[in-house]
Amino acid sequence: MDILYLLIPLSLVFVAAIAGVFLWAVRSGQFEDMEGPAHRILMDDDLEPGPRDTGGRIKSDNNVD
């Protein structure tokens, strides 16, 4: 029974700390754009191909085949 005198205040402090962290996250904008990163990963960035072609050779203006 004596352990309840320790566990109940300790659990209240723990709940208050979790609530404080959650409120800080909400106020600092951590939950503003929940869908943006999910959609951003699906967007295809059409980048120019690098200096290598599909054959593995380095492209150059003076290559002679």
C-alpha atoms as a PDB file:
ATOM      1  CA  MET A   1       0.000   0.000   0.000  1.00  0.00           C
ATOM      2  CA  ASP A   2       2.878   2.372   0.698  1.00  0.00           C
ATOM      3  CA  ILE A   3       4.095   2.013  -2.883  1.00  0.00           C
ATOM      4  CA  LEU A   4       0.947   3.799  -4.093  1.00  0.00           C
ATOM      5  CA  TYR A   5       2.170   6.960  -2.394  1.00  0.00           C
ATOM      6  CA  LEU A   6       5.113   6.850  -4.779  1.00  0.00           C
ATOM      7  CA  LEU A   7       3.509   5.470  -7.946  1.00  0.00           C
ATOM      8  CA  ILE A   8       0.488   7.784  -8.144  1.00  0.00           C
ATOM      9  CA  PRO A   9       2.484  11.072  -8.001  1.00  0.00           C
ATOM     10  CA  LEU A  10       5.130   9.586 -10.274  1.00  0.00           C
ATOM     11  CA  SER A  11       2.503   8.656 -12.849  1.00  0.00           C
ATOM     12  CA  LEU A  12       0.962  12.134 -12.647  1.00  0.00           C
ATOM     13  CA  VAL A  13       4.357  13.708 -13.281  1.00  0.00           C
ATOM     14  CA  PHE A  14       4.884  11.330 -16.193  1.00  0.00           C
ATOM     15  CA  VAL A  15       1.492  12.206 -17.726  1.00  0.00           C
ATOM     16  CA  ALA A  16       2.192  15.924 -17.275  1.00  0.00           C
ATOM     17  CA  ALA A  17       5.565  15.570 -19.016  1.00  0.00           C
ATOM     18  CA  ILE A  18       4.006  13.711 -21.943  1.00  0.00           C
ATOM     19  CA  ALA A  19       1.243  16.323 -22.226  1.00  0.00           C
ATOM     20  CA  GLY A  20       3.847  19.100 -22.161  1.00  0.00           C
ATOM     21  CA  VAL A  21       5.876  17.512 -24.949  1.00  0.00           C
ATOM     22  CA  PHE A  22       2.737  16.954 -27.019  1.00  0.00           C
ATOM     23  CA  LEU A  23       1.567  20.551 -26.576  1.00  0.00           C
ATOM     24  CA  TRP A  24       5.034  21.822 -27.480  1.00  0.00           C
ATOM     25  CA  ALA A  25       4.973  19.735 -30.670  1.00  0.00           C
ATOM     26  CA  VAL A  26       1.544  21.026 -31.648  1.00  0.00           C
ATOM     27  CA  ARG A  27       2.448  24.661 -30.981  1.00  0.00           C
ATOM     28  CA  SER A  28       5.760  24.444 -32.824  1.00  0.00           C
ATOM     29  CA  GLY A  29       4.086  23.181 -36.007  1.00  0.00           C
ATOM     30  CA  GLN A  30       5.213  19.569 -36.025  1.00  0.00           C
ATOM     31  CA  PHE A  31       1.786  18.431 -37.231  1.00  0.00           C
ATOM     32  CA  GLU A  32       1.139  21.153 -39.811  1.00  0.00           C
ATOM     33  CA  ASP A  33       1.639  19.262 -43.066  1.00  0.00           C
ATOM     34  CA  MET A  34       0.985  15.570 -42.558  1.00  0.00           C
ATOM     35  CA  GLU A  35       0.248  14.778 -46.223  1.00  0.00           C
ATOM     36  CA  GLY A  36       3.045  16.755 -47.884  1.00  0.00           C
ATOM     37  CA  PRO A  37       5.912  14.302 -47.339  1.00  0.00           C
ATOM     38  CA  ALA A  38       3.699  11.371 -48.368  1.00  0.00           C
ATOM     39  CA  HIS A  39       2.827  13.057 -51.667  1.00  0.00           C
ATOM     40  CA  ARG A  40       6.316  14.432 -52.223  1.00  0.00           C
ATOM     41  CA  ILE A  41       7.834  10.958 -52.367  1.00  0.00           C
ATOM     42  CA  LEU A  42       5.511  10.065 -55.244  1.00  0.00           C
ATOM     43  CA  MET A  43       6.401  13.107 -57.346  1.00  0.00           C
ATOM     44  CA  ASP A  44       8.761  12.265 -60.162  1.00  0.00           C
ATOM     45  CA  ASP A  45      11.580  14.734 -60.634  1.00  0.00           C
ATOM     46  CA  ASP A  46      12.590  14.557 -64.278  1.00  0.00           C
ATOM     47  CA  LEU A  47      16.316  15.003 -63.881  1.00  0.00           C
ATOM     48  CA  GLU A  48      18.725  15.067 -66.746  1.00  0.00           C
ATOM     49  CA  PRO A  49      20.677  11.833 -67.137  1.00  0.00           C
ATOM     50  CA  GLY A  50      24.164  11.888 -65.711  1.00  0.00           C
ATOM     51  CA  PRO A  51      27.415  11.839 -67.708  1.00  0.00           C
ATOM     52  CA  ARG A  52      27.151   8.078 -68.240  1.00  0.00           C
ATOM     53  CA  ASP A  53      24.879   6.479 -70.794  1.00  0.00           C
ATOM     54  CA  THR A  54      23.253   3.080 -70.426  1.00  0.00           C
ATOM     55  CA  GLY A  55      26.302   1.331 -71.842  1.00  0.00           C
ATOM     56  CA  GLY A  56      28.470   2.441 -68.948  1.00  0.00           C
ATOM     57  CA  ARG A  57      30.773   4.579 -71.078  1.00  0.00           C
ATOM     58  CA  ILE A  58      31.434   8.199 -70.237  1.00  0.00           C
ATOM     59  CA  LYS A  59      29.793  10.561 -72.710  1.00  0.00           C
ATOM     60  CA  SER A  60      32.031  13.093 -74.319  1.00  0.00           C
ATOM     61  CA  ASP A  61      31.880  15.378 -77.329  1.00  0.00           C
ATOM     62  CA  ASN A  62      34.992  13.822 -78.873  1.00  0.00           C
ATOM     63  CA  ASN A  63      34.145  10.110 -78.454  1.00  0.00           C
ATOM     64  CA  VAL A  64      34.712   8.126 -81.602  1.00  0.00           C
ATOM     65  CA  ASP A  65      32.880   4.812 -81.876  1.00  0.00           C
END
